[in-house]
Full PDB file with SEQRES, HELIX, SHEET, SSBOND, CRYST1, ORIGX, SCALE, CONECT and MASTER records, all heavy atoms in Angstrom:
SEQRES   1 A   33  PRO HIS MET LEU PRO ALA ALA LEU GLY TRP PRO THR THR          
SEQRES   2 A   33  ARG ALA ALA ARG ARG ASP VAL GLU ASN ASP ALA TRP GLN          
SEQRES   3 A   33  LEU LEU GLU ARG LEU ASP LEU                                  
HELIX    1 AA1 MET A    3  LEU A    8  1                                   6    
HELIX    2 AA2 PRO A   11  ARG A   30  1                                  20    
CRYST1    1.000    1.000    1.000  90.00  90.00  90.00 P 1           1          
ORIGX1      1.000000  0.000000  0.000000        0.00000                         
ORIGX2      0.000000  1.000000  0.000000        0.00000                         
ORIGX3      0.000000  0.000000  1.000000        0.00000                         
SCALE1      1.000000  0.000000  0.000000        0.00000                         
SCALE2      0.000000  1.000000  0.000000        0.00000                         
SCALE3      0.000000  0.000000  1.000000        0.00000                         
ATOM      1  N   PRO A   1      79.042 129.226 106.596  1.00  0.00           N  
ATOM      2  CA  PRO A   1      78.253 130.150 107.393  1.00  0.00           C  
ATOM      3  C   PRO A   1      76.871 130.395 106.679  1.00  0.00           C  
ATOM      4  O   PRO A   1      76.663 130.106 105.586  1.00  0.00           O  
ATOM      5  CB  PRO A   1      79.051 131.400 107.387  1.00  0.00           C  
ATOM      6  CG  PRO A   1      79.879 131.372 106.141  1.00  0.00           C  
ATOM      7  CD  PRO A   1      80.180 129.878 105.954  1.00  0.00           C  
ATOM      8  N   HIS A   2      75.948 130.930 107.549  1.00  0.00           N  
ATOM      9  CA  HIS A   2      74.639 131.276 107.008  1.00  0.00           C  
ATOM     10  C   HIS A   2      74.734 132.431 106.023  1.00  0.00           C  
ATOM     11  O   HIS A   2      75.763 133.156 105.965  1.00  0.00           O  
ATOM     12  CB  HIS A   2      73.699 131.631 108.149  1.00  0.00           C  
ATOM     13  CG  HIS A   2      73.413 130.474 109.065  1.00  0.00           C  
ATOM     14  ND1 HIS A   2      72.720 129.390 108.623  1.00  0.00           N  
ATOM     15  CD2 HIS A   2      73.684 130.265 110.371  1.00  0.00           C  
ATOM     16  CE1 HIS A   2      72.616 128.516 109.647  1.00  0.00           C  
ATOM     17  NE2 HIS A   2      73.199 129.027 110.713  1.00  0.00           N  
ATOM     18  N   MET A   3      73.708 132.646 105.283  1.00  0.00           N  
ATOM     19  CA  MET A   3      73.708 133.576 104.115  1.00  0.00           C  
ATOM     20  C   MET A   3      74.040 135.007 104.596  1.00  0.00           C  
ATOM     21  O   MET A   3      74.884 135.685 103.967  1.00  0.00           O  
ATOM     22  CB  MET A   3      72.406 133.507 103.414  1.00  0.00           C  
ATOM     23  CG  MET A   3      72.386 134.395 102.139  1.00  0.00           C  
ATOM     24  SD  MET A   3      70.806 134.324 101.261  1.00  0.00           S  
ATOM     25  CE  MET A   3      70.769 132.586 100.811  1.00  0.00           C  
ATOM     26  N   LEU A   4      73.350 135.534 105.597  1.00  0.00           N  
ATOM     27  CA  LEU A   4      73.547 136.881 106.001  1.00  0.00           C  
ATOM     28  C   LEU A   4      74.957 137.134 106.464  1.00  0.00           C  
ATOM     29  O   LEU A   4      75.589 138.120 105.971  1.00  0.00           O  
ATOM     30  CB  LEU A   4      72.554 137.246 107.066  1.00  0.00           C  
ATOM     31  CG  LEU A   4      72.621 138.728 107.567  1.00  0.00           C  
ATOM     32  CD1 LEU A   4      72.426 139.753 106.374  1.00  0.00           C  
ATOM     33  CD2 LEU A   4      71.610 138.977 108.650  1.00  0.00           C  
ATOM     34  N   PRO A   5      75.525 136.430 107.439  1.00  0.00           N  
ATOM     35  CA  PRO A   5      76.936 136.690 107.821  1.00  0.00           C  
ATOM     36  C   PRO A   5      77.897 136.579 106.655  1.00  0.00           C  
ATOM     37  O   PRO A   5      78.828 137.325 106.534  1.00  0.00           O  
ATOM     38  CB  PRO A   5      77.185 135.603 108.829  1.00  0.00           C  
ATOM     39  CG  PRO A   5      75.849 135.222 109.381  1.00  0.00           C  
ATOM     40  CD  PRO A   5      74.938 135.366 108.198  1.00  0.00           C  
ATOM     41  N   ALA A   6      77.627 135.608 105.732  1.00  0.00           N  
ATOM     42  CA  ALA A   6      78.537 135.507 104.525  1.00  0.00           C  
ATOM     43  C   ALA A   6      78.460 136.705 103.658  1.00  0.00           C  
ATOM     44  O   ALA A   6      79.477 137.193 103.207  1.00  0.00           O  
ATOM     45  CB  ALA A   6      78.160 134.179 103.794  1.00  0.00           C  
ATOM     46  N   ALA A   7      77.199 137.215 103.432  1.00  0.00           N  
ATOM     47  CA  ALA A   7      77.021 138.379 102.638  1.00  0.00           C  
ATOM     48  C   ALA A   7      77.699 139.600 103.196  1.00  0.00           C  
ATOM     49  O   ALA A   7      78.190 140.443 102.468  1.00  0.00           O  
ATOM     50  CB  ALA A   7      75.542 138.583 102.356  1.00  0.00           C  
ATOM     51  N   LEU A   8      77.640 139.724 104.523  1.00  0.00           N  
ATOM     52  CA  LEU A   8      78.250 140.844 105.197  1.00  0.00           C  
ATOM     53  C   LEU A   8      79.769 140.756 105.327  1.00  0.00           C  
ATOM     54  O   LEU A   8      80.457 141.705 105.674  1.00  0.00           O  
ATOM     55  CB  LEU A   8      77.640 141.057 106.542  1.00  0.00           C  
ATOM     56  CG  LEU A   8      76.151 141.459 106.538  1.00  0.00           C  
ATOM     57  CD1 LEU A   8      75.579 141.495 107.986  1.00  0.00           C  
ATOM     58  CD2 LEU A   8      75.869 142.827 105.786  1.00  0.00           C  
ATOM     59  N   GLY A   9      80.291 139.513 105.085  1.00  0.00           N  
ATOM     60  CA  GLY A   9      81.727 139.352 105.162  1.00  0.00           C  
ATOM     61  C   GLY A   9      82.288 139.400 106.548  1.00  0.00           C  
ATOM     62  O   GLY A   9      83.379 139.982 106.756  1.00  0.00           O  
ATOM     63  N   TRP A  10      81.537 138.926 107.540  1.00  0.00           N  
ATOM     64  CA  TRP A  10      81.998 139.017 108.938  1.00  0.00           C  
ATOM     65  C   TRP A  10      83.326 138.239 109.083  1.00  0.00           C  
ATOM     66  O   TRP A  10      83.562 137.230 108.366  1.00  0.00           O  
ATOM     67  CB  TRP A  10      80.966 138.392 109.831  1.00  0.00           C  
ATOM     68  CG  TRP A  10      79.741 139.327 109.989  1.00  0.00           C  
ATOM     69  CD1 TRP A  10      79.577 140.505 109.413  1.00  0.00           C  
ATOM     70  CD2 TRP A  10      78.565 139.009 110.746  1.00  0.00           C  
ATOM     71  NE1 TRP A  10      78.354 141.011 109.746  1.00  0.00           N  
ATOM     72  CE2 TRP A  10      77.724 140.109 110.538  1.00  0.00           C  
ATOM     73  CE3 TRP A  10      78.169 137.884 111.491  1.00  0.00           C  
ATOM     74  CZ2 TRP A  10      76.418 140.210 111.209  1.00  0.00           C  
ATOM     75  CZ3 TRP A  10      76.860 137.938 112.058  1.00  0.00           C  
ATOM     76  CH2 TRP A  10      76.057 139.029 111.930  1.00  0.00           C  
ATOM     77  N   PRO A  11      84.215 138.702 109.963  1.00  0.00           N  
ATOM     78  CA  PRO A  11      85.516 138.024 110.180  1.00  0.00           C  
ATOM     79  C   PRO A  11      85.364 136.498 110.426  1.00  0.00           C  
ATOM     80  O   PRO A  11      86.175 135.714 109.953  1.00  0.00           O  
ATOM     81  CB  PRO A  11      86.131 138.737 111.325  1.00  0.00           C  
ATOM     82  CG  PRO A  11      85.468 140.094 111.282  1.00  0.00           C  
ATOM     83  CD  PRO A  11      84.071 139.889 110.803  1.00  0.00           C  
ATOM     84  N   THR A  12      84.350 136.130 111.220  1.00  0.00           N  
ATOM     85  CA  THR A  12      84.168 134.696 111.531  1.00  0.00           C  
ATOM     86  C   THR A  12      83.898 133.900 110.276  1.00  0.00           C  
ATOM     87  O   THR A  12      84.326 132.734 110.180  1.00  0.00           O  
ATOM     88  CB  THR A  12      83.025 134.531 112.550  1.00  0.00           C  
ATOM     89  OG1 THR A  12      81.859 135.170 112.100  1.00  0.00           O  
ATOM     90  CG2 THR A  12      83.430 135.108 113.912  1.00  0.00           C  
ATOM     91  N   THR A  13      83.088 134.462 109.355  1.00  0.00           N  
ATOM     92  CA  THR A  13      82.798 133.730 108.127  1.00  0.00           C  
ATOM     93  C   THR A  13      84.028 133.573 107.241  1.00  0.00           C  
ATOM     94  O   THR A  13      84.244 132.575 106.581  1.00  0.00           O  
ATOM     95  CB  THR A  13      81.654 134.395 107.327  1.00  0.00           C  
ATOM     96  OG1 THR A  13      82.039 135.665 106.882  1.00  0.00           O  
ATOM     97  CG2 THR A  13      80.433 134.559 108.227  1.00  0.00           C  
ATOM     98  N   ARG A  14      84.844 134.686 107.183  1.00  0.00           N  
ATOM     99  CA  ARG A  14      86.064 134.592 106.357  1.00  0.00           C  
ATOM    100  C   ARG A  14      87.039 133.524 106.966  1.00  0.00           C  
ATOM    101  O   ARG A  14      87.670 132.791 106.226  1.00  0.00           O  
ATOM    102  CB  ARG A  14      86.717 135.918 106.344  1.00  0.00           C  
ATOM    103  CG  ARG A  14      85.957 137.042 105.578  1.00  0.00           C  
ATOM    104  CD  ARG A  14      86.861 138.221 105.191  1.00  0.00           C  
ATOM    105  NE  ARG A  14      87.355 138.913 106.380  1.00  0.00           N  
ATOM    106  CZ  ARG A  14      86.733 139.879 107.011  1.00  0.00           C  
ATOM    107  NH1 ARG A  14      85.581 140.314 106.489  1.00  0.00           N  
ATOM    108  NH2 ARG A  14      87.258 140.495 107.994  1.00  0.00           N  
ATOM    109  N   ALA A  15      87.065 133.487 108.292  1.00  0.00           N  
ATOM    110  CA  ALA A  15      87.949 132.474 108.955  1.00  0.00           C  
ATOM    111  C   ALA A  15      87.394 131.042 108.686  1.00  0.00           C  
ATOM    112  O   ALA A  15      88.193 130.152 108.406  1.00  0.00           O  
ATOM    113  CB  ALA A  15      88.002 132.760 110.423  1.00  0.00           C  
ATOM    114  N   ALA A  16      86.065 130.874 108.698  1.00  0.00           N  
ATOM    115  CA  ALA A  16      85.509 129.568 108.446  1.00  0.00           C  
ATOM    116  C   ALA A  16      85.792 129.120 106.960  1.00  0.00           C  
ATOM    117  O   ALA A  16      86.061 127.969 106.780  1.00  0.00           O  
ATOM    118  CB  ALA A  16      83.967 129.611 108.706  1.00  0.00           C  
ATOM    119  N   ARG A  17      85.680 130.089 106.099  1.00  0.00           N  
ATOM    120  CA  ARG A  17      85.990 129.770 104.626  1.00  0.00           C  
ATOM    121  C   ARG A  17      87.434 129.363 104.442  1.00  0.00           C  
ATOM    122  O   ARG A  17      87.733 128.421 103.736  1.00  0.00           O  
ATOM    123  CB  ARG A  17      85.679 130.984 103.764  1.00  0.00           C  
ATOM    124  CG  ARG A  17      85.703 130.704 102.267  1.00  0.00           C  
ATOM    125  CD  ARG A  17      85.374 131.930 101.472  1.00  0.00           C  
ATOM    126  NE  ARG A  17      84.012 132.448 101.757  1.00  0.00           N  
ATOM    127  CZ  ARG A  17      83.797 133.561 102.389  1.00  0.00           C  
ATOM    128  NH1 ARG A  17      84.792 134.366 102.720  1.00  0.00           N  
ATOM    129  NH2 ARG A  17      82.594 133.988 102.583  1.00  0.00           N  
ATOM    130  N   ARG A  18      88.337 130.014 105.138  1.00  0.00           N  
ATOM    131  CA  ARG A  18      89.760 129.668 105.076  1.00  0.00           C  
ATOM    132  C   ARG A  18      89.978 128.254 105.625  1.00  0.00           C  
ATOM    133  O   ARG A  18      90.767 127.499 105.082  1.00  0.00           O  
ATOM    134  CB  ARG A  18      90.619 130.735 105.796  1.00  0.00           C  
ATOM    135  CG  ARG A  18      90.800 132.028 105.055  1.00  0.00           C  
ATOM    136  CD  ARG A  18      91.928 132.831 105.655  1.00  0.00           C  
ATOM    137  NE  ARG A  18      91.668 133.110 107.056  1.00  0.00           N  
ATOM    138  CZ  ARG A  18      91.099 134.216 107.508  1.00  0.00           C  
ATOM    139  NH1 ARG A  18      90.607 135.115 106.651  1.00  0.00           N  
ATOM    140  NH2 ARG A  18      90.853 134.399 108.772  1.00  0.00           N  
ATOM    141  N   ASP A  19      89.329 127.994 106.751  1.00  0.00           N  
ATOM    142  CA  ASP A  19      89.493 126.659 107.307  1.00  0.00           C  
ATOM    143  C   ASP A  19      89.040 125.545 106.386  1.00  0.00           C  
ATOM    144  O   ASP A  19      89.706 124.496 106.254  1.00  0.00           O  
ATOM    145  CB  ASP A  19      88.678 126.543 108.643  1.00  0.00           C  
ATOM    146  CG  ASP A  19      89.340 127.372 109.750  1.00  0.00           C  
ATOM    147  OD1 ASP A  19      90.535 127.776 109.612  1.00  0.00           O  
ATOM    148  OD2 ASP A  19      88.638 127.620 110.787  1.00  0.00           O  
ATOM    149  N   VAL A  20      87.889 125.767 105.732  1.00  0.00           N  
ATOM    150  CA  VAL A  20      87.415 124.753 104.774  1.00  0.00           C  
ATOM    151  C   VAL A  20      88.343 124.586 103.619  1.00  0.00           C  
ATOM    152  O   VAL A  20      88.603 123.474 103.244  1.00  0.00           O  
ATOM    153  CB  VAL A  20      86.008 125.155 104.310  1.00  0.00           C  
ATOM    154  CG1 VAL A  20      85.531 124.275 103.126  1.00  0.00           C  
ATOM    155  CG2 VAL A  20      85.008 125.033 105.423  1.00  0.00           C  
ATOM    156  N   GLU A  21      88.854 125.683 103.088  1.00  0.00           N  
ATOM    157  CA  GLU A  21      89.776 125.623 101.950  1.00  0.00           C  
ATOM    158  C   GLU A  21      91.069 124.901 102.390  1.00  0.00           C  
ATOM    159  O   GLU A  21      91.635 124.103 101.598  1.00  0.00           O  
ATOM    160  CB  GLU A  21      90.054 127.054 101.452  1.00  0.00           C  
ATOM    161  CG  GLU A  21      88.853 127.686 100.710  1.00  0.00           C  
ATOM    162  CD  GLU A  21      89.200 129.057 100.189  1.00  0.00           C  
ATOM    163  OE1 GLU A  21      90.369 129.545 100.477  1.00  0.00           O  
ATOM    164  OE2 GLU A  21      88.282 129.651  99.578  1.00  0.00           O  
ATOM    165  N   ASN A  22      91.554 125.155 103.566  1.00  0.00           N  
ATOM    166  CA  ASN A  22      92.760 124.512 104.012  1.00  0.00           C  
ATOM    167  C   ASN A  22      92.563 123.032 104.119  1.00  0.00           C  
ATOM    168  O   ASN A  22      93.390 122.184 103.763  1.00  0.00           O  
ATOM    169  CB  ASN A  22      93.207 125.050 105.392  1.00  0.00           C  
ATOM    170  CG  ASN A  22      93.794 126.477 105.292  1.00  0.00           C  
ATOM    171  OD1 ASN A  22      94.265 126.889 104.209  1.00  0.00           O  
ATOM    172  ND2 ASN A  22      93.751 127.179 106.411  1.00  0.00           N  
ATOM    173  N   ASP A  23      91.403 122.622 104.713  1.00  0.00           N  
ATOM    174  CA  ASP A  23      91.071 121.205 104.809  1.00  0.00           C  
ATOM    175  C   ASP A  23      90.966 120.554 103.424  1.00  0.00           C  
ATOM    176  O   ASP A  23      91.350 119.404 103.210  1.00  0.00           O  
ATOM    177  CB  ASP A  23      89.757 121.045 105.566  1.00  0.00           C  
ATOM    178  CG  ASP A  23      89.906 121.237 107.075  1.00  0.00           C  
ATOM    179  OD1 ASP A  23      91.094 121.378 107.541  1.00  0.00           O  
ATOM    180  OD2 ASP A  23      88.904 121.328 107.789  1.00  0.00           O  
ATOM    181  N   ALA A  24      90.360 121.313 102.499  1.00  0.00           N  
ATOM    182  CA  ALA A  24      90.194 120.779 101.120  1.00  0.00           C  
ATOM    183  C   ALA A  24      91.595 120.506 100.481  1.00  0.00           C  
ATOM    184  O   ALA A  24      91.791 119.453  99.922  1.00  0.00           O  
ATOM    185  CB  ALA A  24      89.402 121.769 100.289  1.00  0.00           C  
ATOM    186  N   TRP A  25      92.462 121.453 100.672  1.00  0.00           N  
ATOM    187  CA  TRP A  25      93.833 121.269 100.092  1.00  0.00           C  
ATOM    188  C   TRP A  25      94.536 120.084 100.712  1.00  0.00           C  
ATOM    189  O   TRP A  25      95.216 119.286 100.073  1.00  0.00           O  
ATOM    190  CB  TRP A  25      94.660 122.515 100.300  1.00  0.00           C  
ATOM    191  CG  TRP A  25      94.347 123.601  99.337  1.00  0.00           C  
ATOM    192  CD1 TRP A  25      93.826 124.825  99.546  1.00  0.00           C  
ATOM    193  CD2 TRP A  25      94.657 123.599  97.881  1.00  0.00           C  
ATOM    194  NE1 TRP A  25      93.710 125.544  98.413  1.00  0.00           N  
ATOM    195  CE2 TRP A  25      94.195 124.814  97.366  1.00  0.00           C  
ATOM    196  CE3 TRP A  25      95.156 122.658  97.052  1.00  0.00           C  
ATOM    197  CZ2 TRP A  25      94.302 125.089  96.039  1.00  0.00           C  
ATOM    198  CZ3 TRP A  25      95.292 122.922  95.684  1.00  0.00           C  
ATOM    199  CH2 TRP A  25      94.862 124.140  95.177  1.00  0.00           C  
ATOM    200  N   GLN A  26      94.351 119.879 102.031  1.00  0.00           N  
ATOM    201  CA  GLN A  26      95.036 118.794 102.723  1.00  0.00           C  
ATOM    202  C   GLN A  26      94.428 117.434 102.168  1.00  0.00           C  
ATOM    203  O   GLN A  26      95.164 116.460 102.027  1.00  0.00           O  
ATOM    204  CB  GLN A  26      94.772 118.858 104.214  1.00  0.00           C  
ATOM    205  CG  GLN A  26      95.537 119.970 104.867  1.00  0.00           C  
ATOM    206  CD  GLN A  26      95.279 120.118 106.339  1.00  0.00           C  
ATOM    207  OE1 GLN A  26      94.804 119.218 106.982  1.00  0.00           O  
ATOM    208  NE2 GLN A  26      95.645 121.303 106.954  1.00  0.00           N  
ATOM    209  N   LEU A  27      93.127 117.367 101.962  1.00  0.00           N  
ATOM    210  CA  LEU A  27      92.480 116.201 101.430  1.00  0.00           C  
ATOM    211  C   LEU A  27      92.962 115.890 100.014  1.00  0.00           C  
ATOM    212  O   LEU A  27      93.280 114.742  99.669  1.00  0.00           O  
ATOM    213  CB  LEU A  27      90.943 116.336 101.450  1.00  0.00           C  
ATOM    214  CG  LEU A  27      90.232 115.996 102.731  1.00  0.00           C  
ATOM    215  CD1 LEU A  27      88.754 116.411 102.638  1.00  0.00           C  
ATOM    216  CD2 LEU A  27      90.323 114.477 102.964  1.00  0.00           C  
ATOM    217  N   LEU A  28      93.087 116.919  99.207  1.00  0.00           N  
ATOM    218  CA  LEU A  28      93.542 116.753  97.840  1.00  0.00           C  
ATOM    219  C   LEU A  28      94.985 116.195  97.848  1.00  0.00           C  
ATOM    220  O   LEU A  28      95.330 115.397  96.985  1.00  0.00           O  
ATOM    221  CB  LEU A  28      93.440 118.032  97.030  1.00  0.00           C  
ATOM    222  CG  LEU A  28      92.032 118.585  96.825  1.00  0.00           C  
ATOM    223  CD1 LEU A  28      92.077 119.813  95.923  1.00  0.00           C  
ATOM    224  CD2 LEU A  28      91.121 117.518  96.260  1.00  0.00           C  
ATOM    225  N   GLU A  29      95.785 116.703  98.742  1.00  0.00           N  
ATOM    226  CA  GLU A  29      97.191 116.203  98.909  1.00  0.00           C  
ATOM    227  C   GLU A  29      97.189 114.748  99.272  1.00  0.00           C  
ATOM    228  O   GLU A  29      97.892 113.905  98.714  1.00  0.00           O  
ATOM    229  CB  GLU A  29      97.973 117.063  99.863  1.00  0.00           C  
ATOM    230  CG  GLU A  29      99.400 116.639  99.972  1.00  0.00           C  
ATOM    231  CD  GLU A  29     100.214 117.511 100.849  1.00  0.00           C  
ATOM    232  OE1 GLU A  29      99.616 118.364 101.622  1.00  0.00           O  
ATOM    233  OE2 GLU A  29     101.450 117.483 100.829  1.00  0.00           O  
ATOM    234  N   ARG A  30      96.296 114.392 100.302  1.00  0.00           N  
ATOM    235  CA  ARG A  30      96.199 113.039 100.796  1.00  0.00           C  
ATOM    236  C   ARG A  30      95.793 112.099  99.726  1.00  0.00           C  
ATOM    237  O   ARG A  30      96.214 110.885  99.656  1.00  0.00           O  
ATOM    238  CB  ARG A  30      95.255 112.981 102.007  1.00  0.00           C  
ATOM    239  CG  ARG A  30      95.085 111.597 102.587  1.00  0.00           C  
ATOM    240  CD  ARG A  30      96.319 111.053 103.134  1.00  0.00           C  
ATOM    241  NE  ARG A  30      96.203 109.713 103.648  1.00  0.00           N  
ATOM    242  CZ  ARG A  30      96.256 108.620 102.903  1.00  0.00           C  
ATOM    243  NH1 ARG A  30      96.443 108.703 101.592  1.00  0.00           N  
ATOM    244  NH2 ARG A  30      96.164 107.431 103.424  1.00  0.00           N  
ATOM    245  N   LEU A  31      94.914 112.477  98.823  1.00  0.00           N  
ATOM    246  CA  LEU A  31      94.327 111.640  97.831  1.00  0.00           C  
ATOM    247  C   LEU A  31      95.001 111.777  96.458  1.00  0.00           C  
ATOM    248  O   LEU A  31      94.503 111.372  95.410  1.00  0.00           O  
ATOM    249  CB  LEU A  31      92.837 111.969  97.626  1.00  0.00           C  
ATOM    250  CG  LEU A  31      91.970 111.561  98.876  1.00  0.00           C  
ATOM    251  CD1 LEU A  31      90.548 112.144  98.764  1.00  0.00           C  
ATOM    252  CD2 LEU A  31      91.861 110.093  98.986  1.00  0.00           C  
ATOM    253  N   ASP A  32      96.164 112.473  96.477  1.00  0.00           N  
ATOM    254  CA  ASP A  32      96.987 112.577  95.214  1.00  0.00           C  
ATOM    255  C   ASP A  32      96.228 113.318  94.127  1.00  0.00           C  
ATOM    256  O   ASP A  32      96.245 112.871  92.986  1.00  0.00           O  
ATOM    257  CB  ASP A  32      97.468 111.207  94.739  1.00  0.00           C  
ATOM    258  CG  ASP A  32      98.647 111.355  93.874  1.00  0.00           C  
ATOM    259  OD1 ASP A  32      99.331 112.377  93.821  1.00  0.00           O  
ATOM    260  OD2 ASP A  32      98.836 110.397  93.029  1.00  0.00           O  
ATOM    261  N   LEU A  33      95.580 114.420  94.509  1.00  0.00           N  
ATOM    262  CA  LEU A  33      94.772 115.154  93.532  1.00  0.00           C  
ATOM    263  C   LEU A  33      95.273 116.586  93.333  1.00  0.00           C  
ATOM    264  O   LEU A  33      94.590 117.391  92.709  1.00  0.00           O  
ATOM    265  CB  LEU A  33      93.316 115.199  93.962  1.00  0.00           C  
ATOM    266  CG  LEU A  33      92.526 113.862  93.948  1.00  0.00           C  
ATOM    267  CD1 LEU A  33      91.215 114.016  94.740  1.00  0.00           C  
ATOM    268  CD2 LEU A  33      92.315 113.439  92.542  1.00  0.00           C  
TER     269      LEU A  33                                                      
MASTER        0    0    0    2    0    0    0    6  268    1    0    3          
END                                                                             
């Protein structure tokens, strides 16, 4: 997310951060990391 929504901690930005982290974990599992 953009800086201002992230700084304010809007629900949409928290959800976007969780989605990215979930995708990162899935990639690490797929690549044996």
